[in-house]
Structures are given as C-alpha cells and as structure tokens.
Amino acid sequence: MDAVKDFFLFLSGGLRITILLVILIILLMIRKVKKKNRDKSGFLDD
C-alpha cells in the first residue's frame, strides 16, 4: 500500500509541475504575441 501511496503522491506532484509549466509556456507565448503586435522590433523593451 505504501508503494501505491508514494506513486499517487508522485503523480499529483508531477501533475502540479506539468500544469505550472503549461501555464508558464502559455504566458510566455501571450507575451511574445503582444510584443509582436505592439511593434516588430521589440527586443529592447521588456
């Protein structure tokens, strides 16, 4: 039973990390799109 419990703990932790990564990627993509829309050479401003 301990192995099953550990597996589920690992699974929930992994899911949390995966969700965080997905959210970060989406935010980065949104920022990139906004930058592109604002002006084409948006390398200087953050």
PDB file of N, CA and C in Angstrom:
ATOM      1  N   MET A   1       0.837  -1.217   0.000  1.00  0.00           N
ATOM      2  CA  MET A   1       0.000   0.000   0.000  1.00  0.00           C
ATOM      3  C   MET A   1       0.873   1.268   0.000  1.00  0.00           C
ATOM      4  N   ASP A   2       2.024   1.197   0.680  1.00  0.00           N
ATOM      5  CA  ASP A   2       2.914   2.361   0.725  1.00  0.00           C
ATOM      6  C   ASP A   2       3.380   2.738  -0.673  1.00  0.00           C
ATOM      7  N   ALA A   3       3.685   1.732  -1.479  1.00  0.00           N
ATOM      8  CA  ALA A   3       4.153   1.995  -2.843  1.00  0.00           C
ATOM      9  C   ALA A   3       3.065   2.725  -3.634  1.00  0.00           C
ATOM     10  N   VAL A   4       1.821   2.290  -3.464  1.00  0.00           N
ATOM     11  CA  VAL A   4       0.704   2.926  -4.172  1.00  0.00           C
ATOM     12  C   VAL A   4       0.567   4.382  -3.717  1.00  0.00           C
ATOM     13  N   LYS A   5       0.685   4.590  -2.399  1.00  0.00           N
ATOM     14  CA  LYS A   5       0.567   5.943  -1.853  1.00  0.00           C
ATOM     15  C   LYS A   5       1.663   6.842  -2.423  1.00  0.00           C
ATOM     16  N   ASP A   6       2.899   6.320  -2.431  1.00  0.00           N
ATOM     17  CA  ASP A   6       4.028   7.079  -2.981  1.00  0.00           C
ATOM     18  C   ASP A   6       3.784   7.404  -4.447  1.00  0.00           C
ATOM     19  N   PHE A   7       3.255   6.423  -5.185  1.00  0.00           N
ATOM     20  CA  PHE A   7       3.002   6.625  -6.613  1.00  0.00           C
ATOM     21  C   PHE A   7       2.003   7.754  -6.823  1.00  0.00           C
ATOM     22  N   PHE A   8       0.946   7.764  -6.016  1.00  0.00           N
ATOM     23  CA  PHE A   8      -0.076   8.803  -6.178  1.00  0.00           C
ATOM     24  C   PHE A   8       0.466  10.174  -5.768  1.00  0.00           C
ATOM     25  N   LEU A   9       1.318  10.201  -4.716  1.00  0.00           N
ATOM     26  CA  LEU A   9       1.953  11.458  -4.314  1.00  0.00           C
ATOM     27  C   LEU A   9       2.831  11.975  -5.439  1.00  0.00           C
ATOM     28  N   PHE A  10       3.616  11.079  -6.030  1.00  0.00           N
ATOM     29  CA  PHE A  10       4.499  11.449  -7.145  1.00  0.00           C
ATOM     30  C   PHE A  10       3.674  11.943  -8.320  1.00  0.00           C
ATOM     31  N   LEU A  11       2.565  11.251  -8.586  1.00  0.00           N
ATOM     32  CA  LEU A  11       1.699  11.604  -9.714  1.00  0.00           C
ATOM     33  C   LEU A  11       1.119  13.006  -9.513  1.00  0.00           C
ATOM     34  N   SER A  12       0.601  13.277  -8.320  1.00  0.00           N
ATOM     35  CA  SER A  12      -0.005  14.589  -8.060  1.00  0.00           C
ATOM     36  C   SER A  12       1.053  15.683  -8.143  1.00  0.00           C
ATOM     37  N   GLY A  13       2.252  15.416  -7.619  1.00  0.00           N
ATOM     38  CA  GLY A  13       3.342  16.385  -7.713  1.00  0.00           C
ATOM     39  C   GLY A  13       3.721  16.634  -9.156  1.00  0.00           C
ATOM     40  N   GLY A  14       3.833  15.572  -9.929  1.00  0.00           N
ATOM     41  CA  GLY A  14       4.182  15.697 -11.343  1.00  0.00           C
ATOM     42  C   GLY A  14       3.120  16.473 -12.093  1.00  0.00           C
ATOM     43  N   LEU A  15       1.853  16.200 -11.779  1.00  0.00           N
ATOM     44  CA  LEU A  15       0.752  16.914 -12.441  1.00  0.00           C
ATOM     45  C   LEU A  15       0.824  18.403 -12.128  1.00  0.00           C
ATOM     46  N   ARG A  16       1.118  18.712 -10.857  1.00  0.00           N
ATOM     47  CA  ARG A  16       1.213  20.113 -10.449  1.00  0.00           C
ATOM     48  C   ARG A  16       2.319  20.812 -11.237  1.00  0.00           C
ATOM     49  N   ILE A  17       3.481  20.148 -11.321  1.00  0.00           N
ATOM     50  CA  ILE A  17       4.622  20.725 -12.046  1.00  0.00           C
ATOM     51  C   ILE A  17       4.270  20.894 -13.516  1.00  0.00           C
ATOM     52  N   THR A  18       3.623  19.880 -14.093  1.00  0.00           N
ATOM     53  CA  THR A  18       3.251  19.948 -15.513  1.00  0.00           C
ATOM     54  C   THR A  18       2.308  21.121 -15.758  1.00  0.00           C
ATOM     55  N   ILE A  19       1.319  21.281 -14.875  1.00  0.00           N
ATOM     56  CA  ILE A  19       0.354  22.374 -15.028  1.00  0.00           C
ATOM     57  C   ILE A  19       1.066  23.719 -14.935  1.00  0.00           C
ATOM     58  N   LEU A  20       2.010  23.838 -13.973  1.00  0.00           N
ATOM     59  CA  LEU A  20       2.763  25.088 -13.827  1.00  0.00           C
ATOM     60  C   LEU A  20       3.553  25.387 -15.092  1.00  0.00           C
ATOM     61  N   LEU A  21       4.204  24.347 -15.648  1.00  0.00           N
ATOM     62  CA  LEU A  21       4.987  24.534 -16.873  1.00  0.00           C
ATOM     63  C   LEU A  21       4.090  24.985 -18.015  1.00  0.00           C
ATOM     64  N   VAL A  22       2.929  24.343 -18.149  1.00  0.00           N
ATOM     65  CA  VAL A  22       1.999  24.706 -19.230  1.00  0.00           C
ATOM     66  C   VAL A  22       1.580  26.170 -19.086  1.00  0.00           C
ATOM     67  N   ILE A  23       1.260  26.575 -17.854  1.00  0.00           N
ATOM     68  CA  ILE A  23       0.839  27.963 -17.615  1.00  0.00           C
ATOM     69  C   ILE A  23       1.962  28.923 -17.985  1.00  0.00           C
ATOM     70  N   LEU A  24       3.210  28.582 -17.592  1.00  0.00           N
ATOM     71  CA  LEU A  24       4.353  29.440 -17.912  1.00  0.00           C
ATOM     72  C   LEU A  24       4.523  29.579 -19.415  1.00  0.00           C
ATOM     73  N   ILE A  25       4.428  28.450 -20.129  1.00  0.00           N
ATOM     74  CA  ILE A  25       4.593  28.468 -21.589  1.00  0.00           C
ATOM     75  C   ILE A  25       3.513  29.338 -22.222  1.00  0.00           C
ATOM     76  N   ILE A  26       2.271  29.185 -21.759  1.00  0.00           N
ATOM     77  CA  ILE A  26       1.163  29.974 -22.313  1.00  0.00           C
ATOM     78  C   ILE A  26       1.410  31.463 -22.067  1.00  0.00           C
ATOM     79  N   LEU A  27       1.858  31.815 -20.842  1.00  0.00           N
ATOM     80  CA  LEU A  27       2.126  33.221 -20.528  1.00  0.00           C
ATOM     81  C   LEU A  27       3.218  33.768 -21.425  1.00  0.00           C
ATOM     82  N   LEU A  28       4.288  32.979 -21.630  1.00  0.00           N
ATOM     83  CA  LEU A  28       5.387  33.419 -22.494  1.00  0.00           C
ATOM     84  C   LEU A  28       4.892  33.639 -23.914  1.00  0.00           C
ATOM     85  N   MET A  29       4.076  32.730 -24.414  1.00  0.00           N
ATOM     86  CA  MET A  29       3.552  32.851 -25.774  1.00  0.00           C
ATOM     87  C   MET A  29       2.688  34.102 -25.899  1.00  0.00           C
ATOM     88  N   ILE A  30       1.849  34.358 -24.898  1.00  0.00           N
ATOM     89  CA  ILE A  30       0.989  35.545 -24.915  1.00  0.00           C
ATOM     90  C   ILE A  30       1.855  36.803 -24.947  1.00  0.00           C
ATOM     91  N   ARG A  31       2.922  36.822 -24.128  1.00  0.00           N
ATOM     92  CA  ARG A  31       3.816  37.987 -24.097  1.00  0.00           C
ATOM     93  C   ARG A  31       4.473  38.193 -25.449  1.00  0.00           C
ATOM     94  N   LYS A  32       4.923  37.099 -26.063  1.00  0.00           N
ATOM     95  CA  LYS A  32       5.571  37.189 -27.378  1.00  0.00           C
ATOM     96  C   LYS A  32       4.598  37.755 -28.403  1.00  0.00           C
ATOM     97  N   VAL A  33       3.368  37.250 -28.403  1.00  0.00           N
ATOM     98  CA  VAL A  33       2.360  37.716 -29.366  1.00  0.00           C
ATOM     99  C   VAL A  33       2.082  39.200 -29.144  1.00  0.00           C
ATOM    100  N   LYS A  34       1.941  39.595 -27.869  1.00  0.00           N
ATOM    101  CA  LYS A  34       1.674  41.005 -27.562  1.00  0.00           C
ATOM    102  C   LYS A  34       2.825  41.872 -28.051  1.00  0.00           C
ATOM    103  N   LYS A  35       4.051  41.420 -27.822  1.00  0.00           N
ATOM    104  CA  LYS A  35       5.226  42.176 -28.271  1.00  0.00           C
ATOM    105  C   LYS A  35       5.211  42.321 -29.783  1.00  0.00           C
ATOM    106  N   LYS A  36       4.936  41.226 -30.472  1.00  0.00           N
ATOM    107  CA  LYS A  36       4.907  41.246 -31.943  1.00  0.00           C
ATOM    108  C   LYS A  36       3.843  42.228 -32.428  1.00  0.00           C
ATOM    109  N   ASN A  37       2.684  42.210 -31.783  1.00  0.00           N
ATOM    110  CA  ASN A  37       1.594  43.093 -32.196  1.00  0.00           C
ATOM    111  C   ASN A  37       1.936  44.560 -31.919  1.00  0.00           C
ATOM    112  N   ARG A  38       2.632  44.811 -30.814  1.00  0.00           N
ATOM    113  CA  ARG A  38       2.941  46.189 -30.434  1.00  0.00           C
ATOM    114  C   ARG A  38       3.913  46.812 -31.430  1.00  0.00           C
ATOM    115  N   ASP A  39       5.071  46.167 -31.624  1.00  0.00           N
ATOM    116  CA  ASP A  39       5.993  46.621 -32.674  1.00  0.00           C
ATOM    117  C   ASP A  39       6.927  45.489 -33.073  1.00  0.00           C
ATOM    118  N   LYS A  40       7.375  45.509 -34.323  1.00  0.00           N
ATOM    119  CA  LYS A  40       8.089  44.362 -34.885  1.00  0.00           C
ATOM    120  C   LYS A  40       9.468  44.190 -34.264  1.00  0.00           C
ATOM    121  N   SER A  41      10.143  45.279 -33.895  1.00  0.00           N
ATOM    122  CA  SER A  41      11.486  45.179 -33.329  1.00  0.00           C
ATOM    123  C   SER A  41      11.434  45.426 -31.822  1.00  0.00           C
ATOM    124  N   GLY A  42      10.733  44.548 -31.110  1.00  0.00           N
ATOM    125  CA  GLY A  42      10.564  44.739 -29.673  1.00  0.00           C
ATOM    126  C   GLY A  42      11.584  43.987 -28.852  1.00  0.00           C
ATOM    127  N   PHE A  43      12.866  44.122 -29.198  1.00  0.00           N
ATOM    128  CA  PHE A  43      13.905  43.418 -28.448  1.00  0.00           C
ATOM    129  C   PHE A  43      14.400  44.258 -27.267  1.00  0.00           C
ATOM    130  N   LEU A  44      14.318  45.575 -27.392  1.00  0.00           N
ATOM    131  CA  LEU A  44      14.895  46.447 -26.372  1.00  0.00           C
ATOM    132  C   LEU A  44      14.028  46.501 -25.124  1.00  0.00           C
ATOM    133  N   ASP A  45      12.724  46.687 -25.283  1.00  0.00           N
ATOM    134  CA  ASP A  45      11.858  46.801 -24.108  1.00  0.00           C
ATOM    135  C   ASP A  45      11.469  45.430 -23.579  1.00  0.00           C
ATOM    136  N   ASP A  46      11.326  45.363 -22.257  1.00  0.00           N
ATOM    137  CA  ASP A  46      10.995  44.081 -21.627  1.00  0.00           C
ATOM    138  C   ASP A  46       9.499  44.027 -21.337  1.00  0.00           C
TER     139      ASP A  46
END
